[in-house]
Amino acid sequence: TAVSGKSDTAVSGKSDTAVSGKSDTVVRYKQEISFLEEKNLLKDNQIDYLKQQIKNYENQANNLIEVQKQTQNLLDQQQRLALQDKKLLEEYKAENDSLKALKMPTEDTKEEQVEHQPQEKLEALKSEIKTLQEQLNEQATIEPQEAPRKWWKFWK
């Protein structure tokens, strides 16, 4: 029995360490698996975050492209309006010049108009002005010569 006892303890000692060694490795493997799963979960979260950022950047790029298209359309519209304004201004200037040409007589027509007025009529008007001026002067000299009346004599 002593021999068998020794062998039992020796066998049981080996088996205990073997069992405990196996359980240690299983625990280590489980820890390693859980660590790798956490690491994998973190990487999945990072991948999802990066995918979301890529979508945001794509949306921003699309928005910028849309804004650029709108800006180009506005610039084109502004150029068209500027050309229309230029044409309208040229038309206005041409019309204004034609109206000025109709309204303002030239030097030749002014001289013709003066020549057509009868010289006799001008002389008659000048003499009439002269006589009226003389009459005004006579009235101005007569008025101060009259003696002022005394009002207190009226009651007597």
Protein backbone atom coordinates (compact mmCIF):
# COMPACT_ATOMS: atom_id res chain seq x y z
CA THR A 1 0.00 0.00 0.00
CA ALA A 2 2.83 2.30 0.64
CA VAL A 3 3.95 1.83 -2.83
CA SER A 4 0.48 2.21 -4.03
CA GLY A 5 0.02 5.26 -1.82
CA LYS A 6 3.02 6.83 -3.27
CA SER A 7 1.89 6.10 -6.68
CA ASP A 8 -1.59 7.42 -5.93
CA THR A 9 -0.23 10.66 -4.64
CA ALA A 10 2.18 10.88 -7.45
CA VAL A 11 -0.55 10.19 -9.94
CA SER A 12 -2.99 12.44 -8.19
CA GLY A 13 -0.37 15.20 -7.90
CA LYS A 14 0.28 14.99 -11.56
CA SER A 15 -3.34 15.02 -12.39
CA ASP A 16 -4.05 17.99 -10.09
CA THR A 17 -1.36 20.07 -11.69
CA ALA A 18 -2.43 18.90 -15.08
CA VAL A 19 -6.04 19.79 -14.35
CA SER A 20 -5.09 23.08 -12.78
CA GLY A 21 -2.72 23.78 -15.71
CA LYS A 22 -5.49 23.01 -18.16
CA SER A 23 -7.93 25.23 -16.29
CA ASP A 24 -5.34 28.04 -16.21
CA THR A 25 -4.86 27.84 -19.93
CA VAL A 26 -8.62 27.72 -20.47
CA VAL A 27 -9.01 30.81 -18.29
CA ARG A 28 -6.20 32.52 -20.16
CA TYR A 29 -7.74 31.57 -23.48
CA LYS A 30 -11.13 32.87 -22.32
CA GLN A 31 -9.53 36.13 -21.17
CA GLU A 32 -7.69 36.40 -24.44
CA ILE A 33 -10.91 35.73 -26.35
CA SER A 34 -12.83 38.36 -24.37
CA PHE A 35 -9.96 40.84 -24.88
CA LEU A 36 -9.95 40.14 -28.62
CA GLU A 37 -13.75 40.46 -28.74
CA GLU A 38 -13.55 43.86 -27.00
CA LYS A 39 -10.79 44.90 -29.36
CA ASN A 40 -12.89 43.73 -32.31
CA LEU A 41 -15.91 45.65 -30.96
CA LEU A 42 -13.81 48.82 -30.63
CA LYS A 43 -12.55 48.42 -34.19
CA ASP A 44 -16.13 47.89 -35.40
CA ASN A 45 -17.16 51.10 -33.60
CA GLN A 46 -14.24 52.94 -35.17
CA ILE A 47 -15.19 51.60 -38.59
CA ASP A 48 -18.80 52.73 -38.09
CA TYR A 49 -17.60 56.17 -36.99
CA LEU A 50 -15.31 56.47 -40.02
CA LYS A 51 -18.14 55.35 -42.32
CA GLN A 52 -20.36 58.04 -40.81
CA GLN A 53 -17.63 60.65 -41.31
CA ILE A 54 -17.25 59.56 -44.93
CA LYS A 55 -21.01 59.98 -45.44
CA ASN A 56 -20.84 63.44 -43.86
CA TYR A 57 -17.95 64.42 -46.13
CA GLU A 58 -19.83 63.11 -49.16
CA ASN A 59 -22.88 65.18 -48.14
CA GLN A 60 -20.71 68.25 -47.67
CA ALA A 61 -19.09 67.69 -51.06
CA ASN A 62 -22.52 67.33 -52.69
CA ASN A 63 -23.71 70.51 -50.95
CA LEU A 64 -20.62 72.38 -52.13
CA ILE A 65 -21.18 71.15 -55.68
CA GLU A 66 -24.79 72.33 -55.51
CA VAL A 67 -23.71 75.73 -54.16
CA GLN A 68 -21.13 75.98 -56.93
CA LYS A 69 -23.80 75.23 -59.54
CA GLN A 70 -26.10 77.87 -58.06
CA THR A 71 -23.26 80.39 -57.97
CA GLN A 72 -22.43 79.67 -61.60
CA ASN A 73 -26.09 80.08 -62.55
CA LEU A 74 -26.21 83.41 -60.71
CA LEU A 75 -23.05 84.58 -62.45
CA ASP A 76 -24.48 83.59 -65.84
CA GLN A 77 -27.71 85.42 -65.02
CA GLN A 78 -25.76 88.49 -63.92
CA GLN A 79 -23.81 88.49 -67.18
CA ARG A 80 -27.02 88.20 -69.20
CA LEU A 81 -28.55 91.08 -67.24
CA ALA A 82 -25.42 93.17 -67.71
CA LEU A 83 -25.61 92.62 -71.47
CA GLN A 84 -29.30 93.54 -71.46
CA ASP A 85 -28.51 96.68 -69.45
CA LYS A 86 -25.78 97.60 -71.90
CA LYS A 87 -28.13 97.16 -74.86
CA LEU A 88 -30.87 99.17 -73.15
CA LEU A 89 -28.40 101.93 -72.31
CA GLU A 90 -27.24 102.08 -75.92
CA GLU A 91 -30.86 102.21 -77.12
CA TYR A 92 -31.62 104.94 -74.58
CA LYS A 93 -28.61 106.98 -75.67
CA ALA A 94 -29.56 106.62 -79.33
CA GLU A 95 -33.16 107.63 -78.61
CA ASN A 96 -31.99 110.53 -76.44
CA ASP A 97 -29.66 111.74 -79.19
CA SER A 98 -32.45 111.54 -81.76
CA LEU A 99 -34.76 113.52 -79.47
CA LYS A 100 -32.07 116.14 -78.90
CA ALA A 101 -31.59 116.42 -82.64
CA LEU A 102 -35.31 117.03 -83.07
CA LYS A 103 -35.59 119.48 -80.18
CA MET A 104 -32.52 121.69 -80.60
CA PRO A 105 -32.41 123.78 -83.76
CA THR A 106 -29.08 124.14 -85.43
CA GLU A 107 -27.30 127.46 -85.90
CA ASP A 108 -28.60 127.72 -89.46
CA THR A 109 -32.22 127.40 -88.40
CA LYS A 110 -31.75 129.97 -85.62
CA GLU A 111 -30.43 132.51 -88.11
CA GLU A 112 -33.31 131.78 -90.48
CA GLN A 113 -35.84 132.34 -87.70
CA VAL A 114 -34.29 135.70 -86.82
CA GLU A 115 -34.22 136.73 -90.47
CA HIS A 116 -37.89 135.88 -90.92
CA GLN A 117 -39.04 138.26 -88.17
CA PRO A 118 -40.05 141.57 -89.72
CA GLN A 119 -37.70 144.36 -88.87
CA GLU A 120 -40.56 146.84 -88.72
CA LYS A 121 -42.25 144.92 -85.94
CA LEU A 122 -39.09 145.06 -83.86
CA GLU A 123 -38.79 148.82 -84.37
CA ALA A 124 -42.45 149.35 -83.41
CA LEU A 125 -42.00 147.40 -80.20
CA LYS A 126 -38.87 149.37 -79.33
CA SER A 127 -40.62 152.70 -79.82
CA GLU A 128 -43.60 151.55 -77.75
CA ILE A 129 -41.27 150.60 -74.92
CA LYS A 130 -39.64 154.04 -75.16
CA THR A 131 -42.95 155.91 -74.92
CA LEU A 132 -44.11 153.84 -71.97
CA GLN A 133 -40.85 154.57 -70.22
CA GLU A 134 -41.28 158.31 -70.81
CA GLN A 135 -44.83 158.22 -69.43
CA LEU A 136 -43.59 156.52 -66.28
CA ASN A 137 -40.92 159.18 -65.83
CA GLU A 138 -43.49 162.01 -66.25
CA GLN A 139 -45.79 160.50 -63.64
CA ALA A 140 -42.91 160.18 -61.24
CA THR A 141 -42.09 163.88 -61.59
CA ILE A 142 -45.76 165.07 -61.29
CA GLU A 143 -46.58 163.24 -58.08
CA PRO A 144 -44.02 164.96 -55.85
CA GLN A 145 -45.03 168.45 -57.14
CA GLU A 146 -48.60 168.29 -55.80
CA ALA A 147 -48.99 170.09 -52.45
CA PRO A 148 -50.25 168.04 -49.61
CA ARG A 149 -53.73 168.99 -48.41
CA LYS A 150 -54.30 169.84 -44.83
CA TRP A 151 -56.94 167.61 -43.36
CA TRP A 152 -57.96 169.94 -40.53
CA LYS A 153 -59.46 172.40 -43.02
CA PHE A 154 -62.20 169.98 -43.98
CA TRP A 155 -64.29 170.71 -40.80
CA LYS A 156 -64.45 174.40 -41.14
